[in-house]
Amino acid sequence: MKKILLVDDEESIHLLYREEFEEEGYEVHSSLRGTDALEKFKIISPDLVILDINMPDMNGIEVLRQMKEVNPKLPIILSTAYHEYKQDLGAWASDEYIVKSSDLSELKEAVHRYLAK
């Protein structure tokens, strides 16, 4: 079973994404904070990460950088409510940049594409 690590500081996002992706047969692990996500990342070795940018303890772009240093081939999808981070050079290290929406089709499509490899 493919493992997804979801990193977002919003509980509602965790509930929604967990339900959606577990229904599709993925094992979903989640973290509300960047520092916790880095610890879980080392323990579970996810197949894909869905990562928010704005979090209270650590910027998602810094989390992205640290994860890519350890595993450069790991697909990481930045999922944020803000368009403006797309111009941040740090965000370019992500494999996909998706603006959060109530319609999860773009996110689901990206997850399927990366985990089908």
C-alpha atoms as a PDB file:
ATOM      1  CA  MET A   1       0.000   0.000   0.000  1.00  0.00           C
ATOM      2  CA  LYS A   2       1.376   3.413  -0.992  1.00  0.00           C
ATOM      3  CA  LYS A   3       1.942   5.859   1.876  1.00  0.00           C
ATOM      4  CA  ILE A   4       1.040   9.543   1.782  1.00  0.00           C
ATOM      5  CA  LEU A   5       2.296  12.019   4.368  1.00  0.00           C
ATOM      6  CA  LEU A   6      -0.101  14.949   4.700  1.00  0.00           C
ATOM      7  CA  VAL A   7       1.340  18.071   6.327  1.00  0.00           C
ATOM      8  CA  ASP A   8      -1.147  20.866   7.006  1.00  0.00           C
ATOM      9  CA  ASP A   9      -2.054  22.916  10.072  1.00  0.00           C
ATOM     10  CA  GLU A  10      -5.810  22.757   9.365  1.00  0.00           C
ATOM     11  CA  GLU A  11      -7.661  19.863  11.019  1.00  0.00           C
ATOM     12  CA  SER A  12     -10.474  20.050   8.458  1.00  0.00           C
ATOM     13  CA  ILE A  13      -8.003  19.436   5.620  1.00  0.00           C
ATOM     14  CA  HIS A  14      -6.704  16.360   7.443  1.00  0.00           C
ATOM     15  CA  LEU A  15     -10.190  14.933   7.827  1.00  0.00           C
ATOM     16  CA  LEU A  16     -11.153  15.585   4.213  1.00  0.00           C
ATOM     17  CA  TYR A  17      -7.911  14.389   2.588  1.00  0.00           C
ATOM     18  CA  ARG A  18      -7.611  11.338   4.864  1.00  0.00           C
ATOM     19  CA  GLU A  19     -11.140  10.221   4.004  1.00  0.00           C
ATOM     20  CA  GLU A  20     -10.680  10.801   0.276  1.00  0.00           C
ATOM     21  CA  PHE A  21      -7.294   9.105  -0.059  1.00  0.00           C
ATOM     22  CA  GLU A  22      -7.967   6.188   2.288  1.00  0.00           C
ATOM     23  CA  GLU A  23     -11.097   5.416   0.243  1.00  0.00           C
ATOM     24  CA  GLU A  24      -8.791   5.113  -2.760  1.00  0.00           C
ATOM     25  CA  GLY A  25      -6.565   2.615  -0.979  1.00  0.00           C
ATOM     26  CA  TYR A  26      -3.715   4.791   0.250  1.00  0.00           C
ATOM     27  CA  GLU A  27      -2.247   4.707   3.748  1.00  0.00           C
ATOM     28  CA  VAL A  28      -2.426   8.295   5.031  1.00  0.00           C
ATOM     29  CA  HIS A  29      -0.204   9.658   7.790  1.00  0.00           C
ATOM     30  CA  SER A  30      -0.645  13.234   8.894  1.00  0.00           C
ATOM     31  CA  SER A  31       1.057  16.009  10.751  1.00  0.00           C
ATOM     32  CA  LEU A  32      -0.120  19.458  11.831  1.00  0.00           C
ATOM     33  CA  ARG A  33       3.394  20.919  12.147  1.00  0.00           C
ATOM     34  CA  GLY A  34       6.500  20.977   9.987  1.00  0.00           C
ATOM     35  CA  THR A  35       8.852  19.756  12.705  1.00  0.00           C
ATOM     36  CA  ASP A  36       6.598  16.786  13.452  1.00  0.00           C
ATOM     37  CA  ALA A  37       6.346  16.059   9.727  1.00  0.00           C
ATOM     38  CA  LEU A  38      10.124  15.823   9.419  1.00  0.00           C
ATOM     39  CA  GLU A  39      10.190  13.242  12.218  1.00  0.00           C
ATOM     40  CA  LYS A  40       7.381  11.192  10.651  1.00  0.00           C
ATOM     41  CA  PHE A  41       9.093  11.466   7.270  1.00  0.00           C
ATOM     42  CA  LYS A  42      12.146   9.660   8.683  1.00  0.00           C
ATOM     43  CA  ILE A  43      10.059   6.950  10.344  1.00  0.00           C
ATOM     44  CA  ILE A  44       7.441   6.065   7.709  1.00  0.00           C
ATOM     45  CA  SER A  45       9.332   6.738   4.430  1.00  0.00           C
ATOM     46  CA  PRO A  46       6.294   8.044   2.529  1.00  0.00           C
ATOM     47  CA  ASP A  47       5.815   7.480  -1.193  1.00  0.00           C
ATOM     48  CA  LEU A  48       4.413  11.009  -1.596  1.00  0.00           C
ATOM     49  CA  VAL A  49       4.004  14.157   0.519  1.00  0.00           C
ATOM     50  CA  ILE A  50       1.179  16.699   0.346  1.00  0.00           C
ATOM     51  CA  LEU A  51       2.545  19.809   2.007  1.00  0.00           C
ATOM     52  CA  ASP A  52       1.018  23.135   3.045  1.00  0.00           C
ATOM     53  CA  ILE A  53       3.235  26.232   2.986  1.00  0.00           C
ATOM     54  CA  ASN A  54       1.911  28.396   5.825  1.00  0.00           C
ATOM     55  CA  MET A  55       2.278  26.588   9.137  1.00  0.00           C
ATOM     56  CA  PRO A  56       2.851  27.957  12.624  1.00  0.00           C
ATOM     57  CA  ASP A  57       6.209  26.404  13.455  1.00  0.00           C
ATOM     58  CA  MET A  58       8.031  25.992  10.165  1.00  0.00           C
ATOM     59  CA  ASN A  59       7.473  27.207   6.631  1.00  0.00           C
ATOM     60  CA  GLY A  60       6.475  24.414   4.239  1.00  0.00           C
ATOM     61  CA  ILE A  61       9.148  25.457   1.755  1.00  0.00           C
ATOM     62  CA  GLU A  62      11.795  24.770   4.421  1.00  0.00           C
ATOM     63  CA  VAL A  63      10.189  21.379   5.117  1.00  0.00           C
ATOM     64  CA  LEU A  64      10.251  20.704   1.361  1.00  0.00           C
ATOM     65  CA  ARG A  65      13.941  21.602   1.158  1.00  0.00           C
ATOM     66  CA  GLN A  66      14.875  19.312   4.038  1.00  0.00           C
ATOM     67  CA  MET A  67      12.873  16.382   2.672  1.00  0.00           C
ATOM     68  CA  LYS A  68      14.356  16.784  -0.821  1.00  0.00           C
ATOM     69  CA  GLU A  69      17.868  16.829   0.666  1.00  0.00           C
ATOM     70  CA  VAL A  70      17.205  13.371   2.118  1.00  0.00           C
ATOM     71  CA  ASN A  71      15.202  11.969  -0.810  1.00  0.00           C
ATOM     72  CA  PRO A  72      15.426  14.071  -3.997  1.00  0.00           C
ATOM     73  CA  LYS A  73      13.147  11.703  -5.945  1.00  0.00           C
ATOM     74  CA  LEU A  74      10.279  11.836  -3.437  1.00  0.00           C
ATOM     75  CA  PRO A  75       7.233  13.473  -5.068  1.00  0.00           C
ATOM     76  CA  ILE A  76       6.117  16.462  -3.013  1.00  0.00           C
ATOM     77  CA  ILE A  77       2.938  18.352  -3.842  1.00  0.00           C
ATOM     78  CA  LEU A  78       2.633  21.846  -2.405  1.00  0.00           C
ATOM     79  CA  SER A  79      -1.000  22.454  -1.572  1.00  0.00           C
ATOM     80  CA  THR A  80      -1.683  25.984  -0.415  1.00  0.00           C
ATOM     81  CA  ALA A  81      -4.429  28.587  -0.330  1.00  0.00           C
ATOM     82  CA  TYR A  82      -2.075  31.213  -1.782  1.00  0.00           C
ATOM     83  CA  HIS A  83      -1.180  31.791  -5.426  1.00  0.00           C
ATOM     84  CA  GLU A  84       1.723  34.114  -4.664  1.00  0.00           C
ATOM     85  CA  TYR A  85       4.086  31.429  -3.353  1.00  0.00           C
ATOM     86  CA  LYS A  86       4.280  29.963  -6.837  1.00  0.00           C
ATOM     87  CA  GLN A  87       6.835  32.665  -7.641  1.00  0.00           C
ATOM     88  CA  ASP A  88       9.049  31.681  -4.684  1.00  0.00           C
ATOM     89  CA  LEU A  89      12.124  29.873  -5.985  1.00  0.00           C
ATOM     90  CA  GLY A  90      11.906  27.436  -3.059  1.00  0.00           C
ATOM     91  CA  ALA A  91       8.492  26.299  -4.281  1.00  0.00           C
ATOM     92  CA  TRP A  92      10.026  25.285  -7.604  1.00  0.00           C
ATOM     93  CA  ALA A  93      11.626  22.269  -5.894  1.00  0.00           C
ATOM     94  CA  SER A  94       8.158  20.783  -5.486  1.00  0.00           C
ATOM     95  CA  ASP A  95       6.843  18.383  -8.084  1.00  0.00           C
ATOM     96  CA  GLU A  96       3.452  20.078  -8.218  1.00  0.00           C
ATOM     97  CA  TYR A  97       1.917  23.330  -6.931  1.00  0.00           C
ATOM     98  CA  ILE A  98      -1.822  23.160  -6.323  1.00  0.00           C
ATOM     99  CA  VAL A  99      -4.019  25.889  -4.892  1.00  0.00           C
ATOM    100  CA  LYS A 100      -6.473  24.425  -2.358  1.00  0.00           C
ATOM    101  CA  SER A 101     -10.029  24.080  -3.530  1.00  0.00           C
ATOM    102  CA  SER A 102     -13.196  22.297  -2.493  1.00  0.00           C
ATOM    103  CA  ASP A 103     -12.811  20.398  -5.780  1.00  0.00           C
ATOM    104  CA  LEU A 104     -10.094  17.811  -5.109  1.00  0.00           C
ATOM    105  CA  SER A 105      -9.890  16.526  -8.686  1.00  0.00           C
ATOM    106  CA  GLU A 106      -6.609  18.322  -9.503  1.00  0.00           C
ATOM    107  CA  LEU A 107      -4.966  17.081  -6.299  1.00  0.00           C
ATOM    108  CA  LYS A 108      -6.258  13.531  -6.764  1.00  0.00           C
ATOM    109  CA  GLU A 109      -5.068  13.479 -10.355  1.00  0.00           C
ATOM    110  CA  ALA A 110      -1.581  14.565  -9.288  1.00  0.00           C
ATOM    111  CA  VAL A 111      -1.435  11.977  -6.484  1.00  0.00           C
ATOM    112  CA  HIS A 112      -2.487   9.198  -8.866  1.00  0.00           C
ATOM    113  CA  ARG A 113       0.033  10.315 -11.484  1.00  0.00           C
ATOM    114  CA  TYR A 114       2.976  10.289  -9.061  1.00  0.00           C
ATOM    115  CA  LEU A 115       2.032   7.105  -7.224  1.00  0.00           C
ATOM    116  CA  ALA A 116       1.380   5.164 -10.429  1.00  0.00           C
ATOM    117  CA  LYS A 117       5.099   5.375 -11.281  1.00  0.00           C
END
